[in-house]
Amino acid sequence: MTAITKDARLNADKRKSLVAIYEDYIRNQKTKVRIAYDKAKENFDNLFPKTWELIENVVRQKQPQDDVDTINSMRLKYGDNGGQIHQDSCFYFTNPSEETYQSYEGETKTRINENEIYLKMNLKDDEIFAYAYYYDDLKSKGLNPDFEYKWKGEKRNPTYYQAESDVRDYLGFSRGKNDDSKDKPINNSMWNKTIPTIGTSYCHSRQFKVDDITHSVLNQFVIAKEKLVQTHEQMFDYINAKVQKIEQGLKTYTKYSQAKELFDKLGIPLNESQINEQSSMALSVFSPTNLADMLTDKDDEFASREEKIAHFKALQSASIN
């Protein structure tokens, strides 16, 4: 492999590699948006089992287990004529309240607001949330969990469709021949818990009325789920803005030495072999684990560029030995 001299000229492939190295760096930094995402995911994970427990308590209060057992016995004797039991993982809860409003005639009237909450506890048809929840898993597999945001508002191209297909296949949304595999995230037991409920298979056919406190607690779960999706998009926007800036800047650079100076100032160790013409793709010299340990922000473990580089070199030596 031919090493790059300090004054080697940059071409499109080398600039692309430099951008990829920088993107890897910024993606693994503990930035504010990354911290916000991590907290949102942690909050969701904490609320998930507690919410399930609350849902089960509400459902069993409204539909006692004895009634469920009775219908199951009737079904054994009379088939579908004995009643309907459905294994549910989606639920509607209401907390009706009276509110006033102005009619078109200017009269003050009252109406009932159901204050409906819809809770969906599985991943079925919930791809956007799944892309957010499994962000790190997808990245570790070399997949792009950001493809929906990357091409948002643009004409979809073959690259978009390939990214979509790869991500959906990994998660288990593609409905291919291997989608019943237990290894698929969509088939994880976390998303496949159900509660036997009396009624049809349509979630909206049964609504459970709850008190103010229960309604508020259940709504916190809805907010937590929305927050995880929101922080995923914010993380993409942050990284994408940074990447666009460095892409524009590198277009004005003609020499490797200019890029090396930039990366030195950013505190990013740059290995010459990473942008060699024979290996124009960003090499995996810096693994996500090493980067997560090595690359820090202002408030992180290593304050200076020298400390970052020394730590990186120590990791390299350890891996060699």
C-alpha atoms as a PDB file:
ATOM      1  CA  MET A   1       0.000   0.000   0.000  1.00  0.00           C
ATOM      2  CA  THR A   2       1.456   3.361  -0.999  1.00  0.00           C
ATOM      3  CA  ALA A   3       1.551   5.833   1.869  1.00  0.00           C
ATOM      4  CA  ILE A   4       0.303   9.353   1.341  1.00  0.00           C
ATOM      5  CA  THR A   5       2.911  12.032   1.523  1.00  0.00           C
ATOM      6  CA  LYS A   6       2.209  15.185   3.464  1.00  0.00           C
ATOM      7  CA  ASP A   7       1.551  17.155   0.269  1.00  0.00           C
ATOM      8  CA  ALA A   8      -0.439  14.499  -1.549  1.00  0.00           C
ATOM      9  CA  ARG A   9      -3.359  15.940  -3.458  1.00  0.00           C
ATOM     10  CA  LEU A  10      -6.914  15.267  -2.376  1.00  0.00           C
ATOM     11  CA  ASN A  11      -9.406  13.871  -4.845  1.00  0.00           C
ATOM     12  CA  ALA A  12     -13.136  13.167  -4.539  1.00  0.00           C
ATOM     13  CA  ASP A  13     -12.612   9.677  -3.075  1.00  0.00           C
ATOM     14  CA  LYS A  14     -10.173  10.907  -0.435  1.00  0.00           C
ATOM     15  CA  ARG A  15     -12.503  13.748   0.548  1.00  0.00           C
ATOM     16  CA  LYS A  16     -15.348  11.247   0.842  1.00  0.00           C
ATOM     17  CA  SER A  17     -13.201   9.133   3.168  1.00  0.00           C
ATOM     18  CA  LEU A  18     -12.345  12.157   5.281  1.00  0.00           C
ATOM     19  CA  VAL A  19     -16.029  13.014   5.603  1.00  0.00           C
ATOM     20  CA  ALA A  20     -16.802   9.433   6.662  1.00  0.00           C
ATOM     21  CA  ILE A  21     -14.043   9.548   9.307  1.00  0.00           C
ATOM     22  CA  TYR A  22     -15.393  12.821  10.659  1.00  0.00           C
ATOM     23  CA  GLU A  23     -18.969  11.513  10.675  1.00  0.00           C
ATOM     24  CA  ASP A  24     -17.826   8.457  12.629  1.00  0.00           C
ATOM     25  CA  TYR A  25     -16.153  10.789  15.095  1.00  0.00           C
ATOM     26  CA  ILE A  26     -19.101  13.132  15.646  1.00  0.00           C
ATOM     27  CA  ARG A  27     -21.573  10.254  15.796  1.00  0.00           C
ATOM     28  CA  ASN A  28     -19.671   8.691  18.688  1.00  0.00           C
ATOM     29  CA  GLN A  29     -19.163  11.894  20.639  1.00  0.00           C
ATOM     30  CA  LYS A  30     -21.247  12.395  23.778  1.00  0.00           C
ATOM     31  CA  THR A  31     -22.920  15.475  22.353  1.00  0.00           C
ATOM     32  CA  LYS A  32     -26.003  17.057  23.874  1.00  0.00           C
ATOM     33  CA  VAL A  33     -28.221  15.420  21.264  1.00  0.00           C
ATOM     34  CA  ARG A  34     -26.674  12.010  21.895  1.00  0.00           C
ATOM     35  CA  ILE A  35     -27.111  12.394  25.639  1.00  0.00           C
ATOM     36  CA  ALA A  36     -30.735  13.441  25.091  1.00  0.00           C
ATOM     37  CA  TYR A  37     -31.308  10.342  22.937  1.00  0.00           C
ATOM     38  CA  ASP A  38     -29.704   8.041  25.531  1.00  0.00           C
ATOM     39  CA  LYS A  39     -31.856   9.531  28.294  1.00  0.00           C
ATOM     40  CA  ALA A  40     -35.004   9.189  26.189  1.00  0.00           C
ATOM     41  CA  LYS A  41     -34.270   5.525  25.495  1.00  0.00           C
ATOM     42  CA  GLU A  42     -33.458   4.839  29.135  1.00  0.00           C
ATOM     43  CA  ASN A  43     -36.698   6.528  30.195  1.00  0.00           C
ATOM     44  CA  PHE A  44     -38.713   4.467  27.720  1.00  0.00           C
ATOM     45  CA  ASP A  45     -37.090   1.236  28.885  1.00  0.00           C
ATOM     46  CA  ASN A  46     -37.867   2.113  32.500  1.00  0.00           C
ATOM     47  CA  LEU A  47     -41.501   2.954  31.763  1.00  0.00           C
ATOM     48  CA  PHE A  48     -42.244   0.008  29.470  1.00  0.00           C
ATOM     49  CA  PRO A  49     -42.649  -2.787  32.095  1.00  0.00           C
ATOM     50  CA  LYS A  50     -44.370  -0.424  34.547  1.00  0.00           C
ATOM     51  CA  THR A  51     -46.853   0.625  31.885  1.00  0.00           C
ATOM     52  CA  TRP A  52     -47.580  -2.992  31.002  1.00  0.00           C
ATOM     53  CA  GLU A  53     -48.272  -3.754  34.658  1.00  0.00           C
ATOM     54  CA  LEU A  54     -50.640  -0.789  34.911  1.00  0.00           C
ATOM     55  CA  ILE A  55     -52.439  -1.771  31.688  1.00  0.00           C
ATOM     56  CA  GLU A  56     -52.921  -5.313  32.936  1.00  0.00           C
ATOM     57  CA  ASN A  57     -54.332  -4.047  36.240  1.00  0.00           C
ATOM     58  CA  VAL A  58     -56.789  -1.739  34.458  1.00  0.00           C
ATOM     59  CA  VAL A  59     -57.939  -4.420  32.016  1.00  0.00           C
ATOM     60  CA  ARG A  60     -58.426  -7.023  34.755  1.00  0.00           C
ATOM     61  CA  GLN A  61     -60.390  -4.529  36.863  1.00  0.00           C
ATOM     62  CA  LYS A  62     -62.705  -3.837  33.922  1.00  0.00           C
ATOM     63  CA  GLN A  63     -62.731  -7.433  32.703  1.00  0.00           C
ATOM     64  CA  PRO A  64     -62.177  -9.788  35.665  1.00  0.00           C
ATOM     65  CA  GLN A  65     -60.229 -12.965  35.010  1.00  0.00           C
ATOM     66  CA  ASP A  66     -63.296 -14.997  36.080  1.00  0.00           C
ATOM     67  CA  ASP A  67     -65.242 -13.502  33.156  1.00  0.00           C
ATOM     68  CA  VAL A  68     -62.417 -14.323  30.753  1.00  0.00           C
ATOM     69  CA  ASP A  69     -62.316 -17.894  32.075  1.00  0.00           C
ATOM     70  CA  THR A  70     -66.093 -18.181  31.695  1.00  0.00           C
ATOM     71  CA  ILE A  71     -65.994 -17.092  28.048  1.00  0.00           C
ATOM     72  CA  ASN A  72     -63.113 -19.476  27.343  1.00  0.00           C
ATOM     73  CA  SER A  73     -65.242 -22.307  28.795  1.00  0.00           C
ATOM     74  CA  MET A  74     -68.214 -21.195  26.700  1.00  0.00           C
ATOM     75  CA  ARG A  75     -66.045 -21.156  23.578  1.00  0.00           C
ATOM     76  CA  LEU A  76     -64.939 -24.715  24.243  1.00  0.00           C
ATOM     77  CA  LYS A  77     -68.585 -25.720  24.327  1.00  0.00           C
ATOM     78  CA  TYR A  78     -70.166 -23.424  21.711  1.00  0.00           C
ATOM     79  CA  GLY A  79     -67.276 -22.203  19.576  1.00  0.00           C
ATOM     80  CA  ASP A  80     -67.449 -18.592  18.412  1.00  0.00           C
ATOM     81  CA  ASN A  81     -71.036 -18.403  19.678  1.00  0.00           C
ATOM     82  CA  GLY A  82     -69.677 -18.645  23.205  1.00  0.00           C
ATOM     83  CA  GLY A  83     -68.099 -15.180  23.006  1.00  0.00           C
ATOM     84  CA  GLN A  84     -64.861 -13.622  21.840  1.00  0.00           C
ATOM     85  CA  ILE A  85     -61.490 -13.436  23.517  1.00  0.00           C
ATOM     86  CA  HIS A  86     -58.614 -11.617  21.870  1.00  0.00           C
ATOM     87  CA  GLN A  87     -54.943 -11.525  22.851  1.00  0.00           C
ATOM     88  CA  ASP A  88     -54.383  -7.786  22.920  1.00  0.00           C
ATOM     89  CA  SER A  89     -51.265  -5.628  22.755  1.00  0.00           C
ATOM     90  CA  CYS A  90     -52.979  -2.361  21.809  1.00  0.00           C
ATOM     91  CA  PHE A  91     -55.375  -0.457  24.029  1.00  0.00           C
ATOM     92  CA  TYR A  92     -57.573   2.633  24.153  1.00  0.00           C
ATOM     93  CA  PHE A  93     -58.073   4.466  27.434  1.00  0.00           C
ATOM     94  CA  THR A  94     -60.389   7.387  28.066  1.00  0.00           C
ATOM     95  CA  ASN A  95     -60.791   9.965  30.804  1.00  0.00           C
ATOM     96  CA  PRO A  96     -63.954  11.890  29.859  1.00  0.00           C
ATOM     97  CA  SER A  97     -64.220  15.504  30.941  1.00  0.00           C
ATOM     98  CA  GLU A  98     -66.681  18.273  30.244  1.00  0.00           C
ATOM     99  CA  GLU A  99     -65.449  21.308  28.349  1.00  0.00           C
ATOM    100  CA  THR A 100     -67.026  24.503  27.104  1.00  0.00           C
ATOM    101  CA  TYR A 101     -66.789  25.908  23.588  1.00  0.00           C
ATOM    102  CA  GLN A 102     -68.213  28.696  21.458  1.00  0.00           C
ATOM    103  CA  SER A 103     -70.702  27.645  18.799  1.00  0.00           C
ATOM    104  CA  TYR A 104     -70.873  29.295  15.374  1.00  0.00           C
ATOM    105  CA  GLU A 105     -73.806  31.279  16.726  1.00  0.00           C
ATOM    106  CA  GLY A 106     -71.624  32.652  19.520  1.00  0.00           C
ATOM    107  CA  GLU A 107     -73.297  30.617  22.220  1.00  0.00           C
ATOM    108  CA  THR A 108     -71.341  28.962  25.012  1.00  0.00           C
ATOM    109  CA  LYS A 109     -71.997  25.252  25.000  1.00  0.00           C
ATOM    110  CA  THR A 110     -70.595  22.174  26.689  1.00  0.00           C
ATOM    111  CA  ARG A 111     -69.402  18.864  25.287  1.00  0.00           C
ATOM    112  CA  ILE A 112     -67.649  15.741  26.491  1.00  0.00           C
ATOM    113  CA  ASN A 113     -63.970  15.335  25.608  1.00  0.00           C
ATOM    114  CA  GLU A 114     -63.021  11.663  25.826  1.00  0.00           C
ATOM    115  CA  ASN A 115     -59.285  12.475  26.268  1.00  0.00           C
ATOM    116  CA  GLU A 116     -58.471   9.260  24.464  1.00  0.00           C
ATOM    117  CA  ILE A 117     -55.056   7.632  24.742  1.00  0.00           C
ATOM    118  CA  TYR A 118     -53.938   4.917  22.353  1.00  0.00           C
ATOM    119  CA  LEU A 119     -51.164   2.639  23.573  1.00  0.00           C
ATOM    120  CA  LYS A 120     -49.481   0.255  21.167  1.00  0.00           C
ATOM    121  CA  MET A 121     -47.143  -2.105  22.971  1.00  0.00           C
ATOM    122  CA  ASN A 122     -45.724  -4.000  19.992  1.00  0.00           C
ATOM    123  CA  LEU A 123     -43.679  -2.979  16.947  1.00  0.00           C
ATOM    124  CA  LYS A 124     -46.216  -3.939  14.296  1.00  0.00           C
ATOM    125  CA  ASP A 125     -46.561  -1.122  11.731  1.00  0.00           C
ATOM    126  CA  ASP A 126     -44.426   1.092  13.968  1.00  0.00           C
ATOM    127  CA  GLU A 127     -41.304   1.325  11.860  1.00  0.00           C
ATOM    128  CA  ILE A 128     -40.298   4.917  12.683  1.00  0.00           C
ATOM    129  CA  PHE A 129     -40.213   4.120  16.384  1.00  0.00           C
ATOM    130  CA  ALA A 130     -38.283   0.890  15.697  1.00  0.00           C
ATOM    131  CA  TYR A 131     -35.644   2.816  13.715  1.00  0.00           C
ATOM    132  CA  ALA A 132     -35.170   5.067  16.746  1.00  0.00           C
ATOM    133  CA  TYR A 133     -35.211   2.330  19.377  1.00  0.00           C
ATOM    134  CA  TYR A 134     -32.764   0.073  17.499  1.00  0.00           C
ATOM    135  CA  TYR A 135     -30.518   2.916  16.325  1.00  0.00           C
ATOM    136  CA  ASP A 136     -27.297   1.541  17.815  1.00  0.00           C
ATOM    137  CA  ASP A 137     -28.048  -2.033  16.763  1.00  0.00           C
ATOM    138  CA  LEU A 138     -28.617  -0.921  13.183  1.00  0.00           C
ATOM    139  CA  LYS A 139     -25.428   1.172  13.115  1.00  0.00           C
ATOM    140  CA  SER A 140     -23.400  -1.720  14.515  1.00  0.00           C
ATOM    141  CA  LYS A 141     -24.598  -3.846  11.585  1.00  0.00           C
ATOM    142  CA  GLY A 142     -23.546  -1.210   9.066  1.00  0.00           C
ATOM    143  CA  LEU A 143     -27.168  -0.249   8.378  1.00  0.00           C
ATOM    144  CA  ASN A 144     -28.637   3.237   8.174  1.00  0.00           C
ATOM    145  CA  PRO A 145     -31.379   3.998  10.733  1.00  0.00           C
ATOM    146  CA  ASP A 146     -31.503   7.596   9.456  1.00  0.00           C
ATOM    147  CA  PHE A 147     -32.596   6.879   5.890  1.00  0.00           C
ATOM    148  CA  GLU A 148     -36.094   8.303   6.393  1.00  0.00           C
ATOM    149  CA  TYR A 149     -34.626  11.616   7.528  1.00  0.00           C
ATOM    150  CA  LYS A 150     -31.718  11.651   5.090  1.00  0.00           C
ATOM    151  CA  TRP A 151     -34.032  11.668   2.078  1.00  0.00           C
ATOM    152  CA  LYS A 152     -36.925  13.483   3.725  1.00  0.00           C
ATOM    153  CA  GLY A 153     -38.651  15.759   1.223  1.00  0.00           C
ATOM    154  CA  GLU A 154     -36.500  14.461  -1.636  1.00  0.00           C
ATOM    155  CA  LYS A 155     -37.236  12.123  -4.492  1.00  0.00           C
ATOM    156  CA  ARG A 156     -36.539   8.595  -3.368  1.00  0.00           C
ATOM    157  CA  ASN A 157     -33.723   6.864  -5.201  1.00  0.00           C
ATOM    158  CA  PRO A 158     -32.265   3.339  -5.375  1.00  0.00           C
ATOM    159  CA  THR A 159     -29.959   4.090  -2.419  1.00  0.00           C
ATOM    160  CA  TYR A 160     -32.960   5.008  -0.281  1.00  0.00           C
ATOM    161  CA  TYR A 161     -34.856   1.854  -1.238  1.00  0.00           C
ATOM    162  CA  GLN A 162     -31.814  -0.333  -0.570  1.00  0.00           C
ATOM    163  CA  ALA A 163     -31.320   1.244   2.868  1.00  0.00           C
ATOM    164  CA  GLU A 164     -35.028   0.805   3.626  1.00  0.00           C
ATOM    165  CA  SER A 165     -34.983  -2.826   2.523  1.00  0.00           C
ATOM    166  CA  ASP A 166     -31.864  -3.663   4.556  1.00  0.00           C
ATOM    167  CA  VAL A 167     -33.175  -2.016   7.726  1.00  0.00           C
ATOM    168  CA  ARG A 168     -36.659  -3.509   7.449  1.00  0.00           C
ATOM    169  CA  ASP A 169     -35.204  -6.948   6.795  1.00  0.00           C
ATOM    170  CA  TYR A 170     -32.941  -6.761   9.853  1.00  0.00           C
ATOM    171  CA  LEU A 171     -35.782  -5.617  12.127  1.00  0.00           C
ATOM    172  CA  GLY A 172     -38.265  -8.133  10.733  1.00  0.00           C
ATOM    173  CA  PHE A 173     -40.657  -5.803   8.901  1.00  0.00           C
ATOM    174  CA  SER A 174     -40.012  -7.110   5.399  1.00  0.00           C
ATOM    175  CA  ARG A 175     -42.223 -10.174   5.827  1.00  0.00           C
ATOM    176  CA  GLY A 176     -39.660 -12.311   4.091  1.00  0.00           C
ATOM    177  CA  LYS A 177     -39.169 -16.020   4.616  1.00  0.00           C
ATOM    178  CA  ASN A 178     -36.824 -15.422   7.567  1.00  0.00           C
ATOM    179  CA  ASP A 179     -38.965 -12.873   9.389  1.00  0.00           C
ATOM    180  CA  ASP A 180     -40.292 -15.462  11.827  1.00  0.00           C
ATOM    181  CA  SER A 181     -36.783 -15.911  13.192  1.00  0.00           C
ATOM    182  CA  LYS A 182     -36.532 -15.297  16.939  1.00  0.00           C
ATOM    183  CA  ASP A 183     -33.408 -13.258  16.213  1.00  0.00           C
ATOM    184  CA  LYS A 184     -35.474 -10.548  14.530  1.00  0.00           C
ATOM    185  CA  PRO A 185     -36.096  -7.612  16.919  1.00  0.00           C
ATOM    186  CA  ILE A 186     -39.783  -7.509  15.990  1.00  0.00           C
ATOM    187  CA  ASN A 187     -40.105 -11.050  17.398  1.00  0.00           C
ATOM    188  CA  ASN A 188     -38.397 -10.222  20.689  1.00  0.00           C
ATOM    189  CA  SER A 189     -40.513 -11.298  23.671  1.00  0.00           C
ATOM    190  CA  MET A 190     -40.508  -7.678  24.854  1.00  0.00           C
ATOM    191  CA  TRP A 191     -42.822  -6.756  21.976  1.00  0.00           C
ATOM    192  CA  ASN A 192     -44.941  -9.889  21.963  1.00  0.00           C
ATOM    193  CA  LYS A 193     -46.591  -9.866  25.343  1.00  0.00           C
ATOM    194  CA  THR A 194     -50.412  -9.838  25.223  1.00  0.00           C
ATOM    195  CA  ILE A 195     -53.352  -9.614  27.593  1.00  0.00           C
ATOM    196  CA  PRO A 196     -56.512 -11.692  26.997  1.00  0.00           C
ATOM    197  CA  THR A 197     -59.402  -9.263  26.538  1.00  0.00           C
ATOM    198  CA  ILE A 198     -63.086  -9.752  25.943  1.00  0.00           C
ATOM    199  CA  GLY A 199     -64.180  -8.492  22.530  1.00  0.00           C
ATOM    200  CA  THR A 200     -63.155  -8.504  18.896  1.00  0.00           C
ATOM    201  CA  SER A 201     -59.677  -8.208  17.452  1.00  0.00           C
ATOM    202  CA  TYR A 202     -60.166  -4.461  16.877  1.00  0.00           C
ATOM    203  CA  CYS A 203     -58.512  -2.448  19.641  1.00  0.00           C
ATOM    204  CA  HIS A 204     -60.912   0.456  19.247  1.00  0.00           C
ATOM    205  CA  SER A 205     -63.910  -1.813  19.856  1.00  0.00           C
ATOM    206  CA  ARG A 206     -63.176  -1.606  23.584  1.00  0.00           C
ATOM    207  CA  GLN A 207     -62.218   1.517  25.497  1.00  0.00           C
ATOM    208  CA  PHE A 208     -61.239   1.439  29.140  1.00  0.00           C
ATOM    209  CA  LYS A 209     -62.289   4.407  31.241  1.00  0.00           C
ATOM    210  CA  VAL A 210     -59.619   5.430  33.779  1.00  0.00           C
ATOM    211  CA  ASP A 211     -59.230   8.073  36.476  1.00  0.00           C
ATOM    212  CA  ASP A 212     -57.125  11.234  36.203  1.00  0.00           C
ATOM    213  CA  ILE A 213     -54.004   9.782  37.816  1.00  0.00           C
ATOM    214  CA  THR A 214     -54.009   6.600  35.736  1.00  0.00           C
ATOM    215  CA  HIS A 215     -54.634   8.636  32.590  1.00  0.00           C
ATOM    216  CA  SER A 216     -51.685  10.899  33.413  1.00  0.00           C
ATOM    217  CA  VAL A 217     -49.349   7.949  34.050  1.00  0.00           C
ATOM    218  CA  LEU A 218     -50.346   6.246  30.803  1.00  0.00           C
ATOM    219  CA  ASN A 219     -49.857   9.506  28.925  1.00  0.00           C
ATOM    220  CA  GLN A 220     -46.284   9.701  30.232  1.00  0.00           C
ATOM    221  CA  PHE A 221     -45.562   6.524  28.309  1.00  0.00           C
ATOM    222  CA  VAL A 222     -46.996   8.062  25.116  1.00  0.00           C
ATOM    223  CA  ILE A 223     -44.764  11.096  25.641  1.00  0.00           C
ATOM    224  CA  ALA A 224     -41.701   8.911  26.303  1.00  0.00           C
ATOM    225  CA  LYS A 225     -42.244   7.033  23.063  1.00  0.00           C
ATOM    226  CA  GLU A 226     -42.644  10.263  21.087  1.00  0.00           C
ATOM    227  CA  LYS A 227     -39.550  11.713  22.770  1.00  0.00           C
ATOM    228  CA  LEU A 228     -37.376   8.807  21.651  1.00  0.00           C
ATOM    229  CA  VAL A 229     -38.424   9.337  18.025  1.00  0.00           C
ATOM    230  CA  GLN A 230     -37.923  13.083  18.380  1.00  0.00           C
ATOM    231  CA  THR A 231     -34.401  12.794  19.816  1.00  0.00           C
ATOM    232  CA  HIS A 232     -33.448  10.373  17.046  1.00  0.00           C
ATOM    233  CA  GLU A 233     -34.427  12.938  14.432  1.00  0.00           C
ATOM    234  CA  GLN A 234     -32.661  15.732  16.333  1.00  0.00           C
ATOM    235  CA  MET A 235     -29.502  13.639  16.523  1.00  0.00           C
ATOM    236  CA  PHE A 236     -29.619  13.098  12.764  1.00  0.00           C
ATOM    237  CA  ASP A 237     -30.184  16.815  12.106  1.00  0.00           C
ATOM    238  CA  TYR A 238     -27.214  17.736  14.291  1.00  0.00           C
ATOM    239  CA  ILE A 239     -24.838  15.244  12.690  1.00  0.00           C
ATOM    240  CA  ASN A 240     -26.066  16.003   9.180  1.00  0.00           C
ATOM    241  CA  ALA A 241     -25.496  19.744   9.633  1.00  0.00           C
ATOM    242  CA  LYS A 242     -21.930  19.101  10.821  1.00  0.00           C
ATOM    243  CA  VAL A 243     -21.230  16.698   7.966  1.00  0.00           C
ATOM    244  CA  GLN A 244     -22.522  19.169   5.368  1.00  0.00           C
ATOM    245  CA  LYS A 245     -20.221  21.849   6.753  1.00  0.00           C
ATOM    246  CA  ILE A 246     -17.126  19.675   6.587  1.00  0.00           C
ATOM    247  CA  GLU A 247     -18.087  18.510   3.084  1.00  0.00           C
ATOM    248  CA  GLN A 248     -18.210  22.129   1.948  1.00  0.00           C
ATOM    249  CA  GLY A 249     -14.923  22.947   3.657  1.00  0.00           C
ATOM    250  CA  LEU A 250     -13.036  19.951   2.268  1.00  0.00           C
ATOM    251  CA  LYS A 251     -14.030  20.923  -1.259  1.00  0.00           C
ATOM    252  CA  THR A 252     -11.735  23.939  -0.881  1.00  0.00           C
ATOM    253  CA  TYR A 253      -8.794  21.817   0.314  1.00  0.00           C
ATOM    254  CA  THR A 254      -6.364  20.482  -2.252  1.00  0.00           C
ATOM    255  CA  LYS A 255      -3.639  18.918  -0.063  1.00  0.00           C
ATOM    256  CA  TYR A 256      -3.613  16.171   2.550  1.00  0.00           C
ATOM    257  CA  SER A 257      -1.662  18.492   4.865  1.00  0.00           C
ATOM    258  CA  GLN A 258      -4.644  20.858   4.989  1.00  0.00           C
ATOM    259  CA  ALA A 259      -6.961  18.056   6.008  1.00  0.00           C
ATOM    260  CA  LYS A 260      -4.446  16.802   8.591  1.00  0.00           C
ATOM    261  CA  GLU A 261      -4.225  20.275  10.113  1.00  0.00           C
ATOM    262  CA  LEU A 262      -8.029  20.477  10.323  1.00  0.00           C
ATOM    263  CA  PHE A 263      -8.352  17.062  11.969  1.00  0.00           C
ATOM    264  CA  ASP A 264      -5.531  17.883  14.402  1.00  0.00           C
ATOM    265  CA  LYS A 265      -7.387  21.008  15.497  1.00  0.00           C
ATOM    266  CA  LEU A 266     -10.562  18.975  15.930  1.00  0.00           C
ATOM    267  CA  GLY A 267      -8.675  16.416  17.992  1.00  0.00           C
ATOM    268  CA  ILE A 268      -9.378  13.574  15.559  1.00  0.00           C
ATOM    269  CA  PRO A 269      -6.466  11.125  15.048  1.00  0.00           C
ATOM    270  CA  LEU A 270      -6.027  10.739  11.296  1.00  0.00           C
ATOM    271  CA  ASN A 271      -4.266   7.677   9.914  1.00  0.00           C
ATOM    272  CA  GLU A 272      -2.866   8.217   6.414  1.00  0.00           C
ATOM    273  CA  SER A 273      -3.901   4.743   5.302  1.00  0.00           C
ATOM    274  CA  GLN A 274      -7.521   5.672   5.865  1.00  0.00           C
ATOM    275  CA  ILE A 275      -7.629   7.821   2.770  1.00  0.00           C
ATOM    276  CA  ASN A 276      -5.249   5.911   0.538  1.00  0.00           C
ATOM    277  CA  GLU A 277      -6.407   5.721  -3.076  1.00  0.00           C
ATOM    278  CA  GLN A 278      -6.474   1.922  -2.889  1.00  0.00           C
ATOM    279  CA  SER A 279      -8.867   2.115   0.105  1.00  0.00           C
ATOM    280  CA  SER A 280     -11.073   5.114  -0.543  1.00  0.00           C
ATOM    281  CA  MET A 281     -13.768   3.915   1.820  1.00  0.00           C
ATOM    282  CA  ALA A 282     -13.395   4.918   5.453  1.00  0.00           C
ATOM    283  CA  LEU A 283     -11.562   2.004   7.067  1.00  0.00           C
ATOM    284  CA  SER A 284     -12.716   0.525  10.325  1.00  0.00           C
ATOM    285  CA  VAL A 285      -9.419   1.335  12.069  1.00  0.00           C
ATOM    286  CA  PHE A 286     -11.376   3.218  14.734  1.00  0.00           C
ATOM    287  CA  SER A 287     -14.001   0.815  16.044  1.00  0.00           C
ATOM    288  CA  PRO A 288     -17.195   2.252  17.590  1.00  0.00           C
ATOM    289  CA  THR A 289     -16.078   0.965  20.996  1.00  0.00           C
ATOM    290  CA  ASN A 290     -12.654   2.599  20.781  1.00  0.00           C
ATOM    291  CA  LEU A 291     -14.149   5.812  19.461  1.00  0.00           C
ATOM    292  CA  ALA A 292     -16.733   5.935  22.241  1.00  0.00           C
ATOM    293  CA  ASP A 293     -13.893   5.660  24.783  1.00  0.00           C
ATOM    294  CA  MET A 294     -11.478   7.930  22.978  1.00  0.00           C
ATOM    295  CA  LEU A 295     -13.546  10.733  21.493  1.00  0.00           C
ATOM    296  CA  THR A 296     -14.853  13.176  24.020  1.00  0.00           C
ATOM    297  CA  ASP A 297     -16.508  16.545  24.215  1.00  0.00           C
ATOM    298  CA  LYS A 298     -15.623  19.473  26.452  1.00  0.00           C
ATOM    299  CA  ASP A 299     -17.038  17.856  29.558  1.00  0.00           C
ATOM    300  CA  ASP A 300     -15.774  14.343  28.856  1.00  0.00           C
ATOM    301  CA  GLU A 301     -12.932  12.321  30.347  1.00  0.00           C
ATOM    302  CA  PHE A 302     -10.104  13.553  28.106  1.00  0.00           C
ATOM    303  CA  ALA A 303      -9.786  17.312  27.987  1.00  0.00           C
ATOM    304  CA  SER A 304      -7.060  17.773  25.396  1.00  0.00           C
ATOM    305  CA  ARG A 305      -6.258  16.520  21.914  1.00  0.00           C
ATOM    306  CA  GLU A 306      -3.004  15.037  23.228  1.00  0.00           C
ATOM    307  CA  GLU A 307      -4.860  12.971  25.828  1.00  0.00           C
ATOM    308  CA  LYS A 308      -7.269  11.673  23.185  1.00  0.00           C
ATOM    309  CA  ILE A 309      -4.441  10.608  20.882  1.00  0.00           C
ATOM    310  CA  ALA A 310      -2.452   9.029  23.738  1.00  0.00           C
ATOM    311  CA  HIS A 311      -5.511   7.068  24.799  1.00  0.00           C
ATOM    312  CA  PHE A 312      -6.103   5.921  21.231  1.00  0.00           C
ATOM    313  CA  LYS A 313      -2.513   4.763  20.865  1.00  0.00           C
ATOM    314  CA  ALA A 314      -2.808   2.848  24.142  1.00  0.00           C
ATOM    315  CA  LEU A 315      -5.902   1.088  22.841  1.00  0.00           C
ATOM    316  CA  GLN A 316      -4.073   0.220  19.625  1.00  0.00           C
ATOM    317  CA  SER A 317      -1.117  -1.236  21.544  1.00  0.00           C
ATOM    318  CA  ALA A 318      -3.447  -3.257  23.755  1.00  0.00           C
ATOM    319  CA  SER A 319      -5.220  -4.707  20.730  1.00  0.00           C
ATOM    320  CA  ILE A 320      -1.898  -5.674  19.143  1.00  0.00           C
ATOM    321  CA  ASN A 321      -0.620  -7.354  22.292  1.00  0.00           C
END
